[in-house]
Amino acid sequence: MSAPNPAHKRKRGDDSPSGRSLTKEEGMLERVAPDGDIIFILSGGTDKVQVQSSVMKSASPVFSAMLAGHFREGQMLQEAAESGRPVEISLPGDDFEPFKLICIAIHRQANTTQYWPSEELLMRILQIADKYNLIDSVFLSMEFWTRKYLPDPTLNHFLLMIICHQINSQELFQLFSRSLVLNHKGSFMSLAAENEQHICDSVPRGLIYKLACALEEMRATMMRRITKFINAELMARFNNGHSDKETSSEIIPYYRLLKGVLDSYSRNPGLHSVGNDYSLSDLTSQIMKIETSFPTEHPYKATPPSAIPVYMALLRRLRGLNENFVGLCLDCLEVDKLDFDCRGIHK
């Protein structure tokens, strides 16, 4: 995976982390803790991050063990403490940018609001956080960063959904999965395949396809309900035993109104085109924006007043369906269960 751009940082005063960073010929020194007793060497030795060992040990059981006296790094730390100078410890397998953001998060969590990591960078942060058992320590920062991407469904919500799954953020996992079910225009399995190259090693490859299957099933369930809603008012009228003449006055204009949605050859979003260049949101928007000037065999005749309530009942059902769907549930997925009506609340 190609390295994405560094996290965007909003401009602040001299108290910002960037104000304490020194550019050197050999790379960058990020002084997360200016008086810290450790300087981690990253990115093959070109970039460094200065931190406080007590904070790192408190945040991570891995660093707690590494920096204890039983390991070489811990012995180096003790020797450096006697000289009053920070010790340099090499972490050649870790990238500078995600490691820096993790250190900022666990040293000064409020400062994470200055940054906006890309979706790909968030995945690299997840990789390092998982490696050093830091997920709990960076949880709030990860939630803050990922939440910024919710308003724009054109961004990589699939990658963000996986990140929220891995950090066990029920609320954001639901929101991103809901966005995908409603707004994705194509195959979820294809979406999973496209994102496989961006998934870090700590995420099982099978998980991304399991989530894709769950999204496909949720979208199919919603499609079945929309189809049922379209026909619900009609079935009630047929079952009430109306005469053909009475039925036609209500039903035929309704079907003609939805002709573009029901016909497979229509160029507009319809029941047959969701997942094939159109999304569920496209379909419901198409239904909701249809003019209520119902067509009749003779355009100059007045619209049958009994036909309009049928359409309005459909709109009420569609709005309710959209409002009540909250997305996938982490607890349900944990036991391989899919419940469209689950609200994500389990006792």
Protein backbone atom coordinates (compact mmCIF):
# COMPACT_ATOMS: atom_id res chain seq x y z
CA MET A 1 0.00 0.00 0.00
CA SER A 2 1.40 3.37 -0.95
CA ALA A 3 1.99 5.75 1.92
CA PRO A 4 -0.75 8.38 2.17
CA ASN A 5 -0.16 12.02 2.95
CA PRO A 6 0.54 12.93 6.59
CA ALA A 7 -2.41 13.78 8.77
CA HIS A 8 -3.78 17.22 8.05
CA LYS A 9 -3.25 19.51 11.03
CA ARG A 10 -5.16 22.68 11.75
CA LYS A 11 -3.00 25.71 12.49
CA ARG A 12 -2.54 26.55 16.14
CA GLY A 13 -0.22 28.67 18.23
CA ASP A 14 3.28 27.78 19.40
CA ASP A 15 1.83 25.38 21.96
CA SER A 16 0.87 22.92 19.21
CA PRO A 17 2.92 19.73 18.75
CA SER A 18 4.36 21.07 15.50
CA GLY A 19 5.76 24.05 17.41
CA ARG A 20 7.88 21.61 19.40
CA SER A 21 9.13 19.63 16.38
CA LEU A 22 12.65 20.03 15.07
CA THR A 23 13.58 19.42 11.47
CA LYS A 24 16.99 17.81 11.10
CA GLU A 25 19.02 16.77 8.10
CA GLU A 26 18.50 13.13 8.95
CA GLY A 27 14.76 13.48 9.38
CA MET A 28 12.16 14.75 11.79
CA LEU A 29 12.25 14.84 15.58
CA GLU A 30 8.73 15.08 17.01
CA ARG A 31 8.99 16.13 20.64
CA VAL A 32 5.68 14.82 21.93
CA ALA A 33 7.18 15.04 25.43
CA PRO A 34 9.97 17.67 25.26
CA ASP A 35 11.47 16.42 28.53
CA GLY A 36 10.83 12.77 27.71
CA ASP A 37 13.40 10.11 28.57
CA ILE A 38 12.97 8.06 25.37
CA ILE A 39 13.48 8.88 21.70
CA PHE A 40 12.03 6.20 19.45
CA ILE A 41 13.76 5.90 16.09
CA LEU A 42 11.33 5.07 13.29
CA SER A 43 11.09 4.80 9.51
CA GLY A 44 14.46 3.13 9.12
CA GLY A 45 16.25 5.66 11.30
CA THR A 46 15.23 8.89 9.59
CA ASP A 47 12.47 10.12 11.93
CA LYS A 48 12.21 10.19 15.71
CA VAL A 49 9.58 10.69 18.40
CA GLN A 50 10.47 11.82 21.92
CA VAL A 51 8.14 10.49 24.63
CA GLN A 52 7.89 9.83 28.35
CA SER A 53 8.53 6.20 29.29
CA SER A 54 6.09 6.25 32.22
CA VAL A 55 3.25 7.27 29.88
CA MET A 56 4.14 4.60 27.33
CA LYS A 57 4.32 1.90 29.99
CA SER A 58 1.02 2.98 31.53
CA ALA A 59 -0.73 2.94 28.15
CA SER A 60 0.69 -0.33 26.81
CA PRO A 61 1.48 -3.64 28.52
CA VAL A 62 3.86 -4.34 25.63
CA PHE A 63 5.91 -1.21 26.33
CA SER A 64 5.61 -1.88 30.05
CA ALA A 65 7.36 -5.21 29.53
CA MET A 66 9.82 -3.89 26.93
CA LEU A 67 10.99 -1.02 29.13
CA ALA A 68 11.32 -3.10 32.28
CA GLY A 69 14.78 -4.06 33.47
CA HIS A 70 14.52 -7.61 32.08
CA PHE A 71 14.98 -6.49 28.47
CA ARG A 72 17.79 -4.67 26.71
CA GLU A 73 15.62 -1.61 26.07
CA GLY A 74 14.80 -1.35 29.77
CA GLN A 75 18.44 -1.66 30.73
CA MET A 76 19.35 1.06 28.21
CA LEU A 77 16.66 3.27 29.74
CA GLN A 78 18.07 2.81 33.23
CA GLU A 79 21.61 3.60 32.08
CA ALA A 80 20.42 6.72 30.25
CA ALA A 81 18.50 7.88 33.32
CA GLU A 82 21.72 7.89 35.31
CA SER A 83 23.32 10.21 32.76
CA GLY A 84 20.26 12.45 32.59
CA ARG A 85 19.89 12.07 28.85
CA PRO A 86 17.10 10.39 26.83
CA VAL A 87 17.79 6.96 25.43
CA GLU A 88 17.33 6.19 21.75
CA ILE A 89 15.44 2.98 20.99
CA SER A 90 14.96 1.77 17.45
CA LEU A 91 11.58 0.52 16.21
CA PRO A 92 12.50 -0.17 12.57
CA GLY A 93 9.22 -1.86 11.69
CA ASP A 94 7.00 1.09 12.62
CA ASP A 95 6.11 4.12 10.50
CA PHE A 96 6.70 7.61 11.83
CA GLU A 97 3.36 9.29 11.08
CA PRO A 98 0.97 6.77 12.70
CA PHE A 99 3.32 6.19 15.64
CA LYS A 100 3.59 9.94 16.22
CA LEU A 101 -0.19 10.33 16.30
CA ILE A 102 -0.54 7.44 18.74
CA CYS A 103 2.02 9.03 21.06
CA ILE A 104 0.23 12.38 20.86
CA ALA A 105 -3.06 10.63 21.68
CA ILE A 106 -1.74 8.92 24.80
CA HIS A 107 0.34 11.87 26.05
CA ARG A 108 -2.07 14.73 25.34
CA GLN A 109 -5.38 13.44 24.06
CA ALA A 110 -6.85 16.94 23.61
CA ASN A 111 -4.19 17.68 20.98
CA THR A 112 -5.57 14.98 18.68
CA THR A 113 -8.33 17.41 17.70
CA GLN A 114 -5.71 19.31 15.69
CA TYR A 115 -5.25 16.39 13.29
CA TRP A 116 -7.34 14.77 10.57
CA PRO A 117 -5.73 11.46 9.50
CA SER A 118 -6.84 9.98 6.19
CA GLU A 119 -8.75 6.69 6.10
CA GLU A 120 -5.58 4.86 5.06
CA LEU A 121 -3.53 6.51 7.81
CA LEU A 122 -6.16 5.53 10.37
CA MET A 123 -5.72 1.93 9.25
CA ARG A 124 -1.95 2.23 9.81
CA ILE A 125 -2.62 3.69 13.26
CA LEU A 126 -4.82 0.68 13.97
CA GLN A 127 -2.00 -1.65 12.94
CA ILE A 128 0.48 -0.13 15.40
CA ALA A 129 -2.11 0.25 18.17
CA ASP A 130 -2.96 -3.43 17.86
CA LYS A 131 0.72 -4.42 17.77
CA TYR A 132 1.46 -2.69 21.09
CA ASN A 133 -1.94 -3.39 22.71
CA LEU A 134 -2.85 0.30 22.67
CA ILE A 135 -6.40 0.06 21.32
CA ASP A 136 -8.02 1.05 24.63
CA SER A 137 -5.59 3.93 25.11
CA VAL A 138 -6.28 5.49 21.71
CA PHE A 139 -9.98 4.57 21.55
CA LEU A 140 -11.37 8.07 22.10
CA SER A 141 -8.95 9.62 19.63
CA MET A 142 -9.76 6.99 17.00
CA GLU A 143 -13.47 7.62 17.50
CA PHE A 144 -12.95 11.36 17.15
CA TRP A 145 -10.94 10.99 13.94
CA THR A 146 -13.28 8.51 12.27
CA ARG A 147 -16.42 10.43 13.21
CA LYS A 148 -15.25 13.35 11.07
CA TYR A 149 -15.83 11.27 7.94
CA LEU A 150 -19.48 10.39 8.64
CA PRO A 151 -21.15 13.31 6.81
CA ASP A 152 -19.60 12.43 3.43
CA PRO A 153 -20.72 9.03 2.04
CA THR A 154 -18.40 9.42 -0.96
CA LEU A 155 -15.39 8.71 1.29
CA ASN A 156 -14.19 5.22 2.17
CA HIS A 157 -16.81 4.30 4.74
CA PHE A 158 -16.03 0.61 4.25
CA LEU A 159 -12.49 1.06 5.55
CA LEU A 160 -13.77 3.22 8.40
CA MET A 161 -16.41 0.63 9.29
CA ILE A 162 -13.70 -2.02 9.60
CA ILE A 163 -11.63 0.26 11.84
CA CYS A 164 -14.66 0.83 14.09
CA HIS A 165 -15.24 -2.93 14.20
CA GLN A 166 -11.65 -3.51 15.33
CA ILE A 167 -11.72 -0.88 18.07
CA ASN A 168 -15.17 -2.14 19.15
CA SER A 169 -16.99 1.16 18.65
CA GLN A 170 -20.61 0.05 18.45
CA GLU A 171 -22.08 3.49 17.70
CA LEU A 172 -19.73 4.36 14.84
CA PHE A 173 -19.79 0.83 13.44
CA GLN A 174 -23.56 1.12 13.20
CA LEU A 175 -23.41 4.56 11.59
CA PHE A 176 -20.84 3.64 8.94
CA SER A 177 -22.55 0.35 8.10
CA ARG A 178 -25.88 2.16 7.84
CA SER A 179 -24.33 4.69 5.48
CA LEU A 180 -22.98 1.87 3.30
CA VAL A 181 -26.29 -0.01 3.14
CA LEU A 182 -28.14 3.14 2.14
CA ASN A 183 -25.60 4.82 -0.13
CA HIS A 184 -23.37 2.22 -1.82
CA LYS A 185 -24.28 1.83 -5.49
CA GLY A 186 -22.52 -1.43 -6.32
CA SER A 187 -21.62 -4.88 -5.03
CA PHE A 188 -20.37 -5.08 -1.46
CA MET A 189 -18.25 -8.11 -2.31
CA SER A 190 -16.50 -6.09 -5.01
CA LEU A 191 -16.05 -3.26 -2.51
CA ALA A 192 -14.39 -5.68 -0.09
CA ALA A 193 -12.04 -6.92 -2.81
CA GLU A 194 -11.10 -3.36 -3.75
CA ASN A 195 -10.21 -2.55 -0.14
CA GLU A 196 -8.30 -5.73 0.64
CA GLN A 197 -4.99 -4.10 -0.28
CA HIS A 198 -5.63 -1.30 2.24
CA ILE A 199 -6.37 -3.60 5.19
CA CYS A 200 -3.61 -3.90 7.78
CA ASP A 201 -2.20 -7.28 8.79
CA SER A 202 -4.02 -7.30 12.13
CA VAL A 203 -7.41 -7.49 10.36
CA PRO A 204 -8.37 -11.02 9.21
CA ARG A 205 -9.06 -11.08 5.48
CA GLY A 206 -12.12 -13.22 6.10
CA LEU A 207 -13.62 -10.47 8.24
CA ILE A 208 -13.92 -7.97 5.41
CA TYR A 209 -15.86 -10.47 3.29
CA LYS A 210 -18.03 -11.45 6.25
CA LEU A 211 -18.94 -7.79 6.70
CA ALA A 212 -19.58 -7.45 2.95
CA CYS A 213 -22.01 -10.39 3.13
CA ALA A 214 -23.76 -8.81 6.11
CA LEU A 215 -24.15 -5.52 4.22
CA GLU A 216 -25.54 -7.35 1.17
CA GLU A 217 -28.08 -9.14 3.35
CA MET A 218 -29.15 -5.93 5.08
CA ARG A 219 -29.64 -4.19 1.75
CA ALA A 220 -31.61 -7.16 0.41
CA THR A 221 -33.81 -7.10 3.51
CA MET A 222 -34.52 -3.42 3.05
CA MET A 223 -35.32 -4.02 -0.63
CA ARG A 224 -37.83 -6.73 0.32
CA ARG A 225 -39.50 -4.36 2.75
CA ILE A 226 -39.67 -1.55 0.20
CA THR A 227 -41.29 -3.93 -2.29
CA LYS A 228 -43.75 -5.00 0.39
CA PHE A 229 -44.55 -1.40 1.23
CA ILE A 230 -45.20 -0.57 -2.41
CA ASN A 231 -47.82 -3.31 -2.55
CA ALA A 232 -49.16 -3.11 1.00
CA GLU A 233 -51.90 -0.57 0.38
CA LEU A 234 -52.88 -2.33 -2.82
CA MET A 235 -53.25 -5.73 -1.18
CA ALA A 236 -55.45 -4.24 1.51
CA ARG A 237 -57.77 -2.81 -1.11
CA PHE A 238 -57.92 -6.04 -3.11
CA ASN A 239 -58.67 -8.05 0.02
CA ASN A 240 -61.50 -5.72 0.93
CA GLY A 241 -63.38 -6.99 -2.11
CA HIS A 242 -63.72 -3.77 -4.09
CA SER A 243 -65.30 -4.08 -7.49
CA ASP A 244 -63.07 -3.84 -10.54
CA LYS A 245 -64.29 -0.34 -11.21
CA GLU A 246 -63.53 0.87 -7.68
CA THR A 247 -60.17 -0.85 -7.62
CA SER A 248 -59.10 0.71 -10.91
CA SER A 249 -59.93 4.19 -9.68
CA GLU A 250 -57.44 3.78 -6.84
CA ILE A 251 -54.86 1.33 -8.06
CA ILE A 252 -54.22 1.96 -11.75
CA PRO A 253 -53.11 5.59 -11.22
CA TYR A 254 -50.87 4.42 -8.37
CA TYR A 255 -49.16 1.80 -10.52
CA ARG A 256 -48.73 4.29 -13.33
CA LEU A 257 -47.16 6.71 -10.91
CA LEU A 258 -44.55 4.12 -9.89
CA LYS A 259 -44.05 2.75 -13.40
CA GLY A 260 -40.50 4.10 -13.62
CA VAL A 261 -39.62 2.45 -10.30
CA LEU A 262 -41.17 -0.91 -11.16
CA ASP A 263 -40.02 -1.30 -14.78
CA SER A 264 -36.65 -3.00 -15.25
CA TYR A 265 -35.85 -0.96 -18.36
CA SER A 266 -36.29 2.43 -16.69
CA ARG A 267 -33.28 4.75 -16.73
CA ASN A 268 -34.22 6.08 -13.30
CA PRO A 269 -33.42 4.35 -10.00
CA GLY A 270 -35.78 1.41 -9.56
CA LEU A 271 -36.29 -1.89 -7.78
CA HIS A 272 -34.14 -3.66 -10.37
CA SER A 273 -31.19 -1.24 -10.35
CA VAL A 274 -30.18 -1.01 -6.68
CA GLY A 275 -26.64 -2.35 -6.43
CA ASN A 276 -26.11 -1.74 -10.12
CA ASP A 277 -25.10 1.94 -10.34
CA TYR A 278 -27.87 3.01 -7.96
CA SER A 279 -28.21 2.94 -4.18
CA LEU A 280 -31.13 2.48 -1.81
CA SER A 281 -31.04 6.21 -1.16
CA ASP A 282 -31.32 6.82 -4.90
CA LEU A 283 -34.38 4.56 -5.02
CA THR A 284 -36.19 6.09 -2.05
CA SER A 285 -35.38 9.61 -3.26
CA GLN A 286 -36.81 8.73 -6.67
CA ILE A 287 -40.03 7.48 -5.09
CA MET A 288 -40.35 10.45 -2.76
CA LYS A 289 -39.85 13.10 -5.42
CA ILE A 290 -42.51 11.71 -7.80
CA GLU A 291 -45.15 14.30 -8.58
CA THR A 292 -48.52 13.57 -7.01
CA SER A 293 -50.30 14.62 -10.20
CA PHE A 294 -51.34 11.06 -10.94
CA PRO A 295 -51.65 10.26 -14.67
CA THR A 296 -54.99 9.11 -16.02
CA GLU A 297 -56.13 7.74 -19.33
CA HIS A 298 -57.53 11.18 -20.12
CA PRO A 299 -55.13 13.91 -18.91
CA TYR A 300 -57.87 16.50 -18.81
CA LYS A 301 -59.79 14.53 -16.19
CA ALA A 302 -59.27 15.29 -12.52
CA THR A 303 -56.91 13.09 -10.51
CA PRO A 304 -58.88 10.53 -8.48
CA PRO A 305 -58.66 11.80 -4.89
CA SER A 306 -58.66 8.23 -3.56
CA ALA A 307 -55.35 7.50 -5.31
CA ILE A 308 -53.27 10.09 -3.45
CA PRO A 309 -53.59 8.49 0.04
CA VAL A 310 -52.16 5.24 -1.35
CA TYR A 311 -48.99 7.04 -2.41
CA MET A 312 -48.80 9.05 0.82
CA ALA A 313 -49.06 5.86 2.87
CA LEU A 314 -46.10 4.48 0.94
CA LEU A 315 -44.05 7.59 1.70
CA ARG A 316 -44.80 7.31 5.42
CA ARG A 317 -43.65 3.70 5.44
CA LEU A 318 -40.45 4.55 3.57
CA ARG A 319 -39.60 7.35 5.98
CA GLY A 320 -40.20 5.05 8.92
CA LEU A 321 -38.02 2.34 7.38
CA ASN A 322 -35.17 4.78 6.87
CA GLU A 323 -35.44 6.25 10.36
CA ASN A 324 -35.66 2.89 12.14
CA PHE A 325 -32.69 1.23 10.43
CA VAL A 326 -29.59 1.86 12.56
CA GLY A 327 -27.05 -0.38 10.81
CA LEU A 328 -25.19 -3.55 11.71
CA CYS A 329 -24.76 -4.58 15.34
CA LEU A 330 -21.38 -5.69 16.68
CA ASP A 331 -22.93 -8.01 19.27
CA CYS A 332 -25.14 -9.72 16.70
CA LEU A 333 -22.21 -10.23 14.33
CA GLU A 334 -20.17 -11.72 17.16
CA VAL A 335 -22.63 -14.63 17.30
CA ASP A 336 -23.08 -14.73 13.49
CA LYS A 337 -26.56 -13.27 13.70
CA LEU A 338 -28.15 -10.65 11.47
CA ASP A 339 -31.17 -8.79 12.82
CA PHE A 340 -32.42 -5.94 10.66
CA ASP A 341 -34.50 -4.56 13.53
CA CYS A 342 -31.74 -4.74 16.16
CA ARG A 343 -31.10 -1.36 17.77
CA GLY A 344 -27.68 -2.35 19.06
CA ILE A 345 -28.87 -2.56 22.65
CA HIS A 346 -28.25 -5.89 24.39
CA LYS A 347 -28.66 -6.64 28.07
